[in-house]
Amino acid sequence: MPMTHHYADINGISLHYVEATCLSDEPSPDTLVFLHGFPEYWGTWQVQIDYFRQQYRVIVPDLMGYNLSDKPKDASAYSVPNLITLYAQFVKTISQNKAVHLVAHDWGGAIAWPLAAFHSALFGKLVILNAAHPSTFTREMAVNPEQQIKSAYIHRLIADKGVEYVEQNDFCMLKDMLFDGMHETQFSERQKAEYLRAWKQPGAVNGMLQYYRAMPQLPPEPSSSTNDVTTLQGSLDATNVKIPHIRIELPTLILWGEQDEAFVTGILNGIEHYVPDCQIKRFADATHWLHHEKPDEVNAAIEHFINN
């Protein structure tokens, strides 16, 4: 059976999602929900959809602000409390009254962490791919200059001309980040065209950037005199940084590409304090985009974790 496209009305927000029904004879298969990150869309999970629908029902939304989902213009709609409420209701809508397993990457993971913390009854297991836990990310942002430098790009995205910066030269910045930012991974011309189609949806770039604008705590700004992200204006005052206590009680698997340009590996240090039932599988030669670079290994790790 082909995948089917649907829209869920969640508190007045229309979320587009794809459903792939289970191809096995299992009468009541578990459901896997996949959440993508920046700057992707539901199609980033195509390899996982094809693989996991052999034994699971698979649900993959476009995040709010992306592709075919609604794109509120008020940045407050993208605050963490609003995102948690939105996606908790979405999961309830598609869950068929059963706990689902949640798999998330990047911004999808930034949503998944607090979602799993505050709505644990909705979920069976949690899988995170290169998405920093809010508590350890905030800690590293406060005390680790390397993480501050890695995160300084955010200020270009939230600047007054952030949309123009992303869209200029036919989305050159996003192409460099995604298509050229991986190890030994080639996107087909068809795949590239699908990404461009998603980015060109009316209001999509602005919607994608809203997540950054709504961040509760930002890194230091790059030096205005040099426009160099390696030269920061001062540093965060660690005494004023509020580290959230986001505790996850679900069985959790973290898959981590250690060549990540967005996060230091120190973000994993002390993670067990917040996620006591946690397994970590590291990929020494993978980047932030490990689901593209290591699809077979990622799929096998997720499958083994969920089935055991």
C-alpha atoms as a PDB file:
ATOM      1  CA  MET A   1       0.000   0.000   0.000  1.00  0.00           C
ATOM      2  CA  PRO A   2       1.241   3.519  -0.733  1.00  0.00           C
ATOM      3  CA  MET A   3       1.795   6.116   1.941  1.00  0.00           C
ATOM      4  CA  THR A   4      -1.181   8.396   2.542  1.00  0.00           C
ATOM      5  CA  HIS A   5      -1.160  12.109   3.313  1.00  0.00           C
ATOM      6  CA  HIS A   6      -3.354  13.622   6.009  1.00  0.00           C
ATOM      7  CA  TYR A   7      -3.957  16.813   7.962  1.00  0.00           C
ATOM      8  CA  ALA A   8      -4.685  16.949  11.683  1.00  0.00           C
ATOM      9  CA  ASP A   9      -6.365  20.044  13.126  1.00  0.00           C
ATOM     10  CA  ILE A  10      -4.681  20.564  16.489  1.00  0.00           C
ATOM     11  CA  ASN A  11      -6.027  23.548  18.418  1.00  0.00           C
ATOM     12  CA  GLY A  12      -6.554  25.436  15.164  1.00  0.00           C
ATOM     13  CA  ILE A  13      -3.156  24.466  13.717  1.00  0.00           C
ATOM     14  CA  SER A  14      -3.153  22.206  10.661  1.00  0.00           C
ATOM     15  CA  LEU A  15      -0.339  19.656  10.802  1.00  0.00           C
ATOM     16  CA  HIS A  16       0.420  17.711   7.654  1.00  0.00           C
ATOM     17  CA  TYR A  17       1.576  14.143   8.162  1.00  0.00           C
ATOM     18  CA  VAL A  18       2.260  10.980   6.231  1.00  0.00           C
ATOM     19  CA  GLU A  19       0.978   7.595   7.351  1.00  0.00           C
ATOM     20  CA  ALA A  20       2.516   4.313   6.213  1.00  0.00           C
ATOM     21  CA  THR A  21       0.406   1.357   7.252  1.00  0.00           C
ATOM     22  CA  CYS A  22       2.099  -1.792   8.489  1.00  0.00           C
ATOM     23  CA  LEU A  23       2.773  -4.330   5.741  1.00  0.00           C
ATOM     24  CA  SER A  24       2.856  -7.348   8.061  1.00  0.00           C
ATOM     25  CA  ASP A  25      -0.140  -9.398   9.165  1.00  0.00           C
ATOM     26  CA  GLU A  26       0.161  -8.084  12.724  1.00  0.00           C
ATOM     27  CA  PRO A  27      -3.441  -7.152  13.684  1.00  0.00           C
ATOM     28  CA  SER A  28      -2.471  -4.293  16.012  1.00  0.00           C
ATOM     29  CA  PRO A  29       1.082  -3.142  15.276  1.00  0.00           C
ATOM     30  CA  ASP A  30       2.898  -0.561  17.376  1.00  0.00           C
ATOM     31  CA  THR A  31       3.133   2.968  15.996  1.00  0.00           C
ATOM     32  CA  LEU A  32       6.396   4.825  15.405  1.00  0.00           C
ATOM     33  CA  VAL A  33       6.280   8.627  15.186  1.00  0.00           C
ATOM     34  CA  PHE A  34       9.272  10.361  13.564  1.00  0.00           C
ATOM     35  CA  LEU A  35       9.995  14.079  14.108  1.00  0.00           C
ATOM     36  CA  HIS A  36      12.419  15.806  11.725  1.00  0.00           C
ATOM     37  CA  GLY A  37      14.627  18.816  12.407  1.00  0.00           C
ATOM     38  CA  PHE A  38      15.960  21.927  10.664  1.00  0.00           C
ATOM     39  CA  PRO A  39      15.989  22.400   7.697  1.00  0.00           C
ATOM     40  CA  GLU A  40      14.188  19.206   6.703  1.00  0.00           C
ATOM     41  CA  TYR A  41      10.630  17.941   6.229  1.00  0.00           C
ATOM     42  CA  TRP A  42       8.819  14.621   6.531  1.00  0.00           C
ATOM     43  CA  GLY A  43      10.712  13.145   3.553  1.00  0.00           C
ATOM     44  CA  THR A  44      13.988  13.083   5.490  1.00  0.00           C
ATOM     45  CA  TRP A  45      12.703   9.846   7.043  1.00  0.00           C
ATOM     46  CA  GLN A  46      11.868   8.053   3.771  1.00  0.00           C
ATOM     47  CA  VAL A  47      14.435   5.282   4.316  1.00  0.00           C
ATOM     48  CA  GLN A  48      13.102   4.736   7.830  1.00  0.00           C
ATOM     49  CA  ILE A  49       9.499   4.742   6.614  1.00  0.00           C
ATOM     50  CA  ASP A  50      10.235   2.048   4.040  1.00  0.00           C
ATOM     51  CA  TYR A  51      12.104  -0.056   6.594  1.00  0.00           C
ATOM     52  CA  PHE A  52       9.893   0.185   9.659  1.00  0.00           C
ATOM     53  CA  ARG A  53       6.535  -0.140   7.945  1.00  0.00           C
ATOM     54  CA  GLN A  54       7.418  -3.795   7.439  1.00  0.00           C
ATOM     55  CA  GLN A  55       6.408  -4.374  11.071  1.00  0.00           C
ATOM     56  CA  TYR A  56       5.082  -1.058  12.419  1.00  0.00           C
ATOM     57  CA  ARG A  57       2.588   1.643  11.601  1.00  0.00           C
ATOM     58  CA  VAL A  58       4.622   4.776  10.827  1.00  0.00           C
ATOM     59  CA  ILE A  59       3.515   8.396  11.264  1.00  0.00           C
ATOM     60  CA  VAL A  60       5.719  11.260  10.046  1.00  0.00           C
ATOM     61  CA  PRO A  61       4.557  14.887  10.322  1.00  0.00           C
ATOM     62  CA  ASP A  62       5.913  18.083   8.896  1.00  0.00           C
ATOM     63  CA  LEU A  63       6.686  20.142  11.987  1.00  0.00           C
ATOM     64  CA  MET A  64       4.607  23.267  12.452  1.00  0.00           C
ATOM     65  CA  GLY A  65       6.202  26.000  10.339  1.00  0.00           C
ATOM     66  CA  TYR A  66       7.538  23.529   7.777  1.00  0.00           C
ATOM     67  CA  ASN A  67       6.505  22.439   4.292  1.00  0.00           C
ATOM     68  CA  LEU A  68       2.755  21.663   4.234  1.00  0.00           C
ATOM     69  CA  SER A  69       1.940  22.325   7.894  1.00  0.00           C
ATOM     70  CA  ASP A  70       0.588  25.657   9.139  1.00  0.00           C
ATOM     71  CA  LYS A  71       3.097  28.435   9.784  1.00  0.00           C
ATOM     72  CA  PRO A  72       1.949  30.804  12.549  1.00  0.00           C
ATOM     73  CA  LYS A  73       3.472  34.260  12.183  1.00  0.00           C
ATOM     74  CA  ASP A  74       3.616  34.908  15.927  1.00  0.00           C
ATOM     75  CA  ALA A  75       6.872  33.535  17.330  1.00  0.00           C
ATOM     76  CA  SER A  76       5.182  32.866  20.673  1.00  0.00           C
ATOM     77  CA  ALA A  77       3.372  29.946  19.025  1.00  0.00           C
ATOM     78  CA  TYR A  78       6.775  28.226  18.901  1.00  0.00           C
ATOM     79  CA  SER A  79       7.540  28.534  22.614  1.00  0.00           C
ATOM     80  CA  VAL A  80       8.423  25.271  24.334  1.00  0.00           C
ATOM     81  CA  PRO A  81       5.158  25.054  26.344  1.00  0.00           C
ATOM     82  CA  ASN A  82       3.087  25.624  23.201  1.00  0.00           C
ATOM     83  CA  LEU A  83       5.096  23.069  21.223  1.00  0.00           C
ATOM     84  CA  ILE A  84       4.672  20.456  23.952  1.00  0.00           C
ATOM     85  CA  THR A  85       0.912  21.030  24.071  1.00  0.00           C
ATOM     86  CA  LEU A  86       0.625  20.912  20.278  1.00  0.00           C
ATOM     87  CA  TYR A  87       2.564  17.703  19.741  1.00  0.00           C
ATOM     88  CA  ALA A  88       1.068  15.933  22.752  1.00  0.00           C
ATOM     89  CA  GLN A  89      -2.367  16.522  21.244  1.00  0.00           C
ATOM     90  CA  PHE A  90      -1.104  15.403  17.842  1.00  0.00           C
ATOM     91  CA  VAL A  91       0.157  12.128  19.307  1.00  0.00           C
ATOM     92  CA  LYS A  92      -3.173  11.587  21.064  1.00  0.00           C
ATOM     93  CA  THR A  93      -4.949  12.193  17.756  1.00  0.00           C
ATOM     94  CA  ILE A  94      -2.974   9.605  15.776  1.00  0.00           C
ATOM     95  CA  SER A  95      -2.127   7.087  18.505  1.00  0.00           C
ATOM     96  CA  GLN A  96      -5.217   4.849  18.239  1.00  0.00           C
ATOM     97  CA  ASN A  97      -5.279   4.884  22.064  1.00  0.00           C
ATOM     98  CA  LYS A  98      -1.949   3.072  22.368  1.00  0.00           C
ATOM     99  CA  ALA A  99       1.452   4.275  23.499  1.00  0.00           C
ATOM    100  CA  VAL A 100       3.688   5.109  20.539  1.00  0.00           C
ATOM    101  CA  HIS A 101       7.459   5.014  20.142  1.00  0.00           C
ATOM    102  CA  LEU A 102       8.989   8.411  19.397  1.00  0.00           C
ATOM    103  CA  VAL A 103      12.044   8.906  17.144  1.00  0.00           C
ATOM    104  CA  ALA A 104      13.407  12.421  16.695  1.00  0.00           C
ATOM    105  CA  HIS A 105      16.343  14.369  15.255  1.00  0.00           C
ATOM    106  CA  ASP A 106      17.650  17.917  15.779  1.00  0.00           C
ATOM    107  CA  TRP A 107      14.714  20.292  16.450  1.00  0.00           C
ATOM    108  CA  GLY A 108      12.403  17.306  16.449  1.00  0.00           C
ATOM    109  CA  GLY A 109      14.509  16.032  19.328  1.00  0.00           C
ATOM    110  CA  ALA A 110      14.402  19.399  21.084  1.00  0.00           C
ATOM    111  CA  ILE A 111      10.627  18.936  21.091  1.00  0.00           C
ATOM    112  CA  ALA A 112      10.759  15.229  21.914  1.00  0.00           C
ATOM    113  CA  TRP A 113      12.805  15.618  25.109  1.00  0.00           C
ATOM    114  CA  PRO A 114      10.282  17.758  27.044  1.00  0.00           C
ATOM    115  CA  LEU A 115       7.362  16.054  25.307  1.00  0.00           C
ATOM    116  CA  ALA A 116       8.506  12.695  26.672  1.00  0.00           C
ATOM    117  CA  ALA A 117       9.237  14.242  30.070  1.00  0.00           C
ATOM    118  CA  PHE A 118       5.834  15.822  30.598  1.00  0.00           C
ATOM    119  CA  HIS A 119       3.642  13.380  28.658  1.00  0.00           C
ATOM    120  CA  SER A 120       5.390  10.080  29.305  1.00  0.00           C
ATOM    121  CA  ALA A 121       2.114   8.124  29.344  1.00  0.00           C
ATOM    122  CA  LEU A 122       1.793   8.709  25.593  1.00  0.00           C
ATOM    123  CA  PHE A 123       5.016   6.881  24.776  1.00  0.00           C
ATOM    124  CA  GLY A 124       6.627   3.479  24.990  1.00  0.00           C
ATOM    125  CA  LYS A 125      10.239   4.264  24.120  1.00  0.00           C
ATOM    126  CA  LEU A 126      12.216   7.307  23.001  1.00  0.00           C
ATOM    127  CA  VAL A 127      14.967   7.428  20.364  1.00  0.00           C
ATOM    128  CA  ILE A 128      17.034  10.601  19.902  1.00  0.00           C
ATOM    129  CA  LEU A 129      19.401  11.300  16.993  1.00  0.00           C
ATOM    130  CA  ASN A 130      21.832  14.189  17.522  1.00  0.00           C
ATOM    131  CA  ALA A 131      19.481  16.377  19.487  1.00  0.00           C
ATOM    132  CA  ALA A 132      20.866  17.935  22.635  1.00  0.00           C
ATOM    133  CA  HIS A 133      19.032  17.368  25.895  1.00  0.00           C
ATOM    134  CA  PRO A 134      17.780  20.802  27.068  1.00  0.00           C
ATOM    135  CA  SER A 135      19.504  20.515  30.442  1.00  0.00           C
ATOM    136  CA  THR A 136      22.951  19.484  29.235  1.00  0.00           C
ATOM    137  CA  PHE A 137      22.746  21.810  26.216  1.00  0.00           C
ATOM    138  CA  THR A 138      22.024  24.799  28.447  1.00  0.00           C
ATOM    139  CA  ARG A 139      24.864  23.779  30.761  1.00  0.00           C
ATOM    140  CA  GLU A 140      27.352  23.533  27.886  1.00  0.00           C
ATOM    141  CA  MET A 141      26.103  26.806  26.412  1.00  0.00           C
ATOM    142  CA  ALA A 142      26.817  28.493  29.727  1.00  0.00           C
ATOM    143  CA  VAL A 143      30.304  27.130  30.412  1.00  0.00           C
ATOM    144  CA  ASN A 144      31.755  25.716  27.192  1.00  0.00           C
ATOM    145  CA  PRO A 145      33.211  28.273  24.730  1.00  0.00           C
ATOM    146  CA  GLU A 146      33.316  25.627  21.995  1.00  0.00           C
ATOM    147  CA  GLN A 147      29.553  25.127  22.226  1.00  0.00           C
ATOM    148  CA  GLN A 148      29.015  28.878  22.248  1.00  0.00           C
ATOM    149  CA  ILE A 149      30.981  29.137  18.998  1.00  0.00           C
ATOM    150  CA  LYS A 150      29.125  26.201  17.443  1.00  0.00           C
ATOM    151  CA  SER A 151      25.802  27.866  18.293  1.00  0.00           C
ATOM    152  CA  ALA A 152      26.708  31.408  17.228  1.00  0.00           C
ATOM    153  CA  TYR A 153      25.198  30.833  13.750  1.00  0.00           C
ATOM    154  CA  ILE A 154      21.785  31.123  15.401  1.00  0.00           C
ATOM    155  CA  HIS A 155      22.151  34.913  15.482  1.00  0.00           C
ATOM    156  CA  ARG A 156      22.319  35.034  11.689  1.00  0.00           C
ATOM    157  CA  LEU A 157      19.069  33.084  11.516  1.00  0.00           C
ATOM    158  CA  ILE A 158      17.170  35.298  13.953  1.00  0.00           C
ATOM    159  CA  ALA A 159      18.495  38.603  12.583  1.00  0.00           C
ATOM    160  CA  ASP A 160      16.076  41.011  10.901  1.00  0.00           C
ATOM    161  CA  LYS A 161      17.236  39.751   7.506  1.00  0.00           C
ATOM    162  CA  GLY A 162      17.431  36.098   8.536  1.00  0.00           C
ATOM    163  CA  VAL A 163      14.888  34.987   5.941  1.00  0.00           C
ATOM    164  CA  GLU A 164      16.780  36.776   3.172  1.00  0.00           C
ATOM    165  CA  TYR A 165      20.044  35.247   4.403  1.00  0.00           C
ATOM    166  CA  VAL A 166      18.594  31.736   4.161  1.00  0.00           C
ATOM    167  CA  GLU A 167      16.856  32.265   0.813  1.00  0.00           C
ATOM    168  CA  GLN A 168      19.670  34.084  -1.006  1.00  0.00           C
ATOM    169  CA  ASN A 169      21.407  32.397  -3.940  1.00  0.00           C
ATOM    170  CA  ASP A 170      18.678  29.773  -4.224  1.00  0.00           C
ATOM    171  CA  PHE A 171      18.988  28.600  -0.595  1.00  0.00           C
ATOM    172  CA  CYS A 172      22.765  28.284  -0.821  1.00  0.00           C
ATOM    173  CA  MET A 173      23.137  28.270   2.972  1.00  0.00           C
ATOM    174  CA  LEU A 174      20.740  25.334   3.422  1.00  0.00           C
ATOM    175  CA  LYS A 175      22.279  23.421   0.529  1.00  0.00           C
ATOM    176  CA  ASP A 176      25.738  23.829   2.032  1.00  0.00           C
ATOM    177  CA  MET A 177      24.497  22.752   5.451  1.00  0.00           C
ATOM    178  CA  LEU A 178      22.587  19.697   4.306  1.00  0.00           C
ATOM    179  CA  PHE A 179      23.772  18.479   0.918  1.00  0.00           C
ATOM    180  CA  ASP A 180      27.464  19.276   1.430  1.00  0.00           C
ATOM    181  CA  GLY A 181      27.653  18.763   5.189  1.00  0.00           C
ATOM    182  CA  MET A 182      27.719  14.973   5.243  1.00  0.00           C
ATOM    183  CA  HIS A 183      30.289  12.239   4.926  1.00  0.00           C
ATOM    184  CA  GLU A 184      30.048  10.137   1.770  1.00  0.00           C
ATOM    185  CA  THR A 185      26.352  10.789   1.288  1.00  0.00           C
ATOM    186  CA  GLN A 186      24.846  11.848  -2.009  1.00  0.00           C
ATOM    187  CA  PHE A 187      21.339  13.161  -2.469  1.00  0.00           C
ATOM    188  CA  SER A 188      19.716  12.368  -5.782  1.00  0.00           C
ATOM    189  CA  GLU A 189      18.547  15.245  -7.941  1.00  0.00           C
ATOM    190  CA  ARG A 190      14.972  14.197  -7.179  1.00  0.00           C
ATOM    191  CA  GLN A 191      15.636  14.379  -3.429  1.00  0.00           C
ATOM    192  CA  LYS A 192      17.227  17.805  -3.773  1.00  0.00           C
ATOM    193  CA  ALA A 193      14.231  19.011  -5.756  1.00  0.00           C
ATOM    194  CA  GLU A 194      11.883  17.778  -3.014  1.00  0.00           C
ATOM    195  CA  TYR A 195      13.827  19.703  -0.379  1.00  0.00           C
ATOM    196  CA  LEU A 196      13.736  22.840  -2.507  1.00  0.00           C
ATOM    197  CA  ARG A 197       9.997  22.418  -2.965  1.00  0.00           C
ATOM    198  CA  ALA A 198       9.572  22.221   0.820  1.00  0.00           C
ATOM    199  CA  TRP A 199      11.748  25.308   1.416  1.00  0.00           C
ATOM    200  CA  LYS A 200       9.843  27.280  -1.214  1.00  0.00           C
ATOM    201  CA  GLN A 201       6.439  26.725   0.367  1.00  0.00           C
ATOM    202  CA  PRO A 202       4.965  30.161   1.199  1.00  0.00           C
ATOM    203  CA  GLY A 203       6.187  31.259   4.611  1.00  0.00           C
ATOM    204  CA  ALA A 204       8.255  28.118   5.161  1.00  0.00           C
ATOM    205  CA  VAL A 205      11.632  29.729   5.816  1.00  0.00           C
ATOM    206  CA  ASN A 206      10.103  32.199   8.256  1.00  0.00           C
ATOM    207  CA  GLY A 207       8.300  29.334   9.975  1.00  0.00           C
ATOM    208  CA  MET A 208      11.483  27.290  10.226  1.00  0.00           C
ATOM    209  CA  LEU A 209      13.328  30.210  11.809  1.00  0.00           C
ATOM    210  CA  GLN A 210      10.596  30.815  14.376  1.00  0.00           C
ATOM    211  CA  TYR A 211      11.944  27.942  16.471  1.00  0.00           C
ATOM    212  CA  TYR A 212      15.222  29.812  16.887  1.00  0.00           C
ATOM    213  CA  ARG A 213      13.510  33.132  17.614  1.00  0.00           C
ATOM    214  CA  ALA A 214      11.510  31.489  20.395  1.00  0.00           C
ATOM    215  CA  MET A 215      14.545  29.937  22.109  1.00  0.00           C
ATOM    216  CA  PRO A 216      14.441  30.865  25.819  1.00  0.00           C
ATOM    217  CA  GLN A 217      18.224  31.367  26.075  1.00  0.00           C
ATOM    218  CA  LEU A 218      20.604  32.357  23.276  1.00  0.00           C
ATOM    219  CA  PRO A 219      24.384  32.003  22.823  1.00  0.00           C
ATOM    220  CA  PRO A 220      26.671  35.064  22.872  1.00  0.00           C
ATOM    221  CA  GLU A 221      26.620  37.057  19.654  1.00  0.00           C
ATOM    222  CA  PRO A 222      29.528  36.993  17.171  1.00  0.00           C
ATOM    223  CA  SER A 223      31.740  40.067  17.225  1.00  0.00           C
ATOM    224  CA  SER A 224      30.057  42.790  15.189  1.00  0.00           C
ATOM    225  CA  SER A 225      33.437  44.234  14.224  1.00  0.00           C
ATOM    226  CA  THR A 226      34.627  41.067  12.508  1.00  0.00           C
ATOM    227  CA  ASN A 227      31.363  39.224  11.839  1.00  0.00           C
ATOM    228  CA  ASP A 228      33.382  36.178  12.850  1.00  0.00           C
ATOM    229  CA  VAL A 229      31.534  33.486  14.765  1.00  0.00           C
ATOM    230  CA  THR A 230      34.805  32.450  16.390  1.00  0.00           C
ATOM    231  CA  THR A 231      35.021  35.864  18.071  1.00  0.00           C
ATOM    232  CA  LEU A 232      32.222  36.295  20.589  1.00  0.00           C
ATOM    233  CA  GLN A 233      31.042  39.433  22.366  1.00  0.00           C
ATOM    234  CA  GLY A 234      31.778  38.441  25.943  1.00  0.00           C
ATOM    235  CA  SER A 235      30.322  35.233  27.267  1.00  0.00           C
ATOM    236  CA  LEU A 236      27.209  34.021  28.999  1.00  0.00           C
ATOM    237  CA  ASP A 237      27.086  34.665  32.730  1.00  0.00           C
ATOM    238  CA  ALA A 238      26.759  31.119  33.998  1.00  0.00           C
ATOM    239  CA  THR A 239      25.307  32.372  37.270  1.00  0.00           C
ATOM    240  CA  ASN A 240      22.304  33.812  35.421  1.00  0.00           C
ATOM    241  CA  VAL A 241      21.668  30.850  33.138  1.00  0.00           C
ATOM    242  CA  LYS A 242      18.677  28.774  34.153  1.00  0.00           C
ATOM    243  CA  ILE A 243      19.322  25.089  33.539  1.00  0.00           C
ATOM    244  CA  PRO A 244      15.986  23.300  33.148  1.00  0.00           C
ATOM    245  CA  HIS A 245      15.538  20.000  34.936  1.00  0.00           C
ATOM    246  CA  ILE A 246      14.045  17.797  32.216  1.00  0.00           C
ATOM    247  CA  ARG A 247      13.928  14.241  33.540  1.00  0.00           C
ATOM    248  CA  ILE A 248      12.992  11.381  31.208  1.00  0.00           C
ATOM    249  CA  GLU A 249      11.647   8.191  32.767  1.00  0.00           C
ATOM    250  CA  LEU A 250      11.151   6.363  29.457  1.00  0.00           C
ATOM    251  CA  PRO A 251      13.648   3.825  28.112  1.00  0.00           C
ATOM    252  CA  THR A 252      15.764   6.005  25.837  1.00  0.00           C
ATOM    253  CA  LEU A 253      18.269   5.356  23.056  1.00  0.00           C
ATOM    254  CA  ILE A 254      20.594   8.151  21.945  1.00  0.00           C
ATOM    255  CA  LEU A 255      22.288   7.755  18.556  1.00  0.00           C
ATOM    256  CA  TRP A 256      25.093  10.287  18.184  1.00  0.00           C
ATOM    257  CA  GLY A 257      27.318  11.244  15.263  1.00  0.00           C
ATOM    258  CA  GLU A 258      30.474  12.553  16.915  1.00  0.00           C
ATOM    259  CA  GLN A 259      31.477  14.841  14.015  1.00  0.00           C
ATOM    260  CA  ASP A 260      28.490  17.097  14.714  1.00  0.00           C
ATOM    261  CA  GLU A 261      29.119  20.730  13.744  1.00  0.00           C
ATOM    262  CA  ALA A 262      26.237  21.956  15.914  1.00  0.00           C
ATOM    263  CA  PHE A 263      26.914  20.212  19.236  1.00  0.00           C
ATOM    264  CA  VAL A 264      29.959  19.298  21.301  1.00  0.00           C
ATOM    265  CA  THR A 265      30.105  15.688  22.463  1.00  0.00           C
ATOM    266  CA  GLY A 266      30.294  17.008  26.024  1.00  0.00           C
ATOM    267  CA  ILE A 267      26.539  17.464  25.784  1.00  0.00           C
ATOM    268  CA  LEU A 268      26.310  13.734  26.537  1.00  0.00           C
ATOM    269  CA  ASN A 269      28.290  14.073  29.767  1.00  0.00           C
ATOM    270  CA  GLY A 270      26.056  13.542  32.783  1.00  0.00           C
ATOM    271  CA  ILE A 271      23.031  12.726  30.638  1.00  0.00           C
ATOM    272  CA  GLU A 272      22.179   9.811  32.946  1.00  0.00           C
ATOM    273  CA  HIS A 273      21.348  12.363  35.666  1.00  0.00           C
ATOM    274  CA  TYR A 274      18.377  13.428  33.552  1.00  0.00           C
ATOM    275  CA  VAL A 275      17.761  10.186  31.624  1.00  0.00           C
ATOM    276  CA  PRO A 276      18.515   7.299  33.995  1.00  0.00           C
ATOM    277  CA  ASP A 277      17.271   4.543  31.642  1.00  0.00           C
ATOM    278  CA  CYS A 278      19.520   5.549  28.776  1.00  0.00           C
ATOM    279  CA  GLN A 279      21.649   3.798  26.174  1.00  0.00           C
ATOM    280  CA  ILE A 280      24.105   5.726  23.991  1.00  0.00           C
ATOM    281  CA  LYS A 281      25.440   4.490  20.660  1.00  0.00           C
ATOM    282  CA  ARG A 282      28.163   6.682  19.194  1.00  0.00           C
ATOM    283  CA  PHE A 283      29.166   6.902  15.532  1.00  0.00           C
ATOM    284  CA  ALA A 284      32.744   8.189  15.407  1.00  0.00           C
ATOM    285  CA  ASP A 285      32.711   8.950  11.676  1.00  0.00           C
ATOM    286  CA  ALA A 286      29.181  10.362  11.366  1.00  0.00           C
ATOM    287  CA  THR A 287      28.054  13.987  11.531  1.00  0.00           C
ATOM    288  CA  HIS A 288      24.845  15.661  12.654  1.00  0.00           C
ATOM    289  CA  TRP A 289      23.121  13.911   9.733  1.00  0.00           C
ATOM    290  CA  LEU A 290      23.719  10.302  10.753  1.00  0.00           C
ATOM    291  CA  HIS A 291      20.255   9.122   9.639  1.00  0.00           C
ATOM    292  CA  HIS A 292      21.359   9.940   6.090  1.00  0.00           C
ATOM    293  CA  GLU A 293      24.962   8.772   6.471  1.00  0.00           C
ATOM    294  CA  LYS A 294      24.343   5.533   8.390  1.00  0.00           C
ATOM    295  CA  PRO A 295      20.763   4.538   7.546  1.00  0.00           C
ATOM    296  CA  ASP A 296      21.239   0.782   7.838  1.00  0.00           C
ATOM    297  CA  GLU A 297      23.039   1.016  11.180  1.00  0.00           C
ATOM    298  CA  VAL A 298      20.558   3.566  12.500  1.00  0.00           C
ATOM    299  CA  ASN A 299      17.598   1.422  11.483  1.00  0.00           C
ATOM    300  CA  ALA A 300      19.121  -1.703  13.022  1.00  0.00           C
ATOM    301  CA  ALA A 301      19.848   0.109  16.291  1.00  0.00           C
ATOM    302  CA  ILE A 302      16.315   1.504  16.525  1.00  0.00           C
ATOM    303  CA  GLU A 303      14.752  -1.852  15.696  1.00  0.00           C
ATOM    304  CA  HIS A 304      16.848  -3.743  18.259  1.00  0.00           C
ATOM    305  CA  PHE A 305      16.063  -1.174  20.945  1.00  0.00           C
ATOM    306  CA  ILE A 306      12.319  -1.165  20.360  1.00  0.00           C
ATOM    307  CA  ASN A 307      12.014  -4.935  20.086  1.00  0.00           C
ATOM    308  CA  ASN A 308      14.006  -5.724  23.240  1.00  0.00           C
END
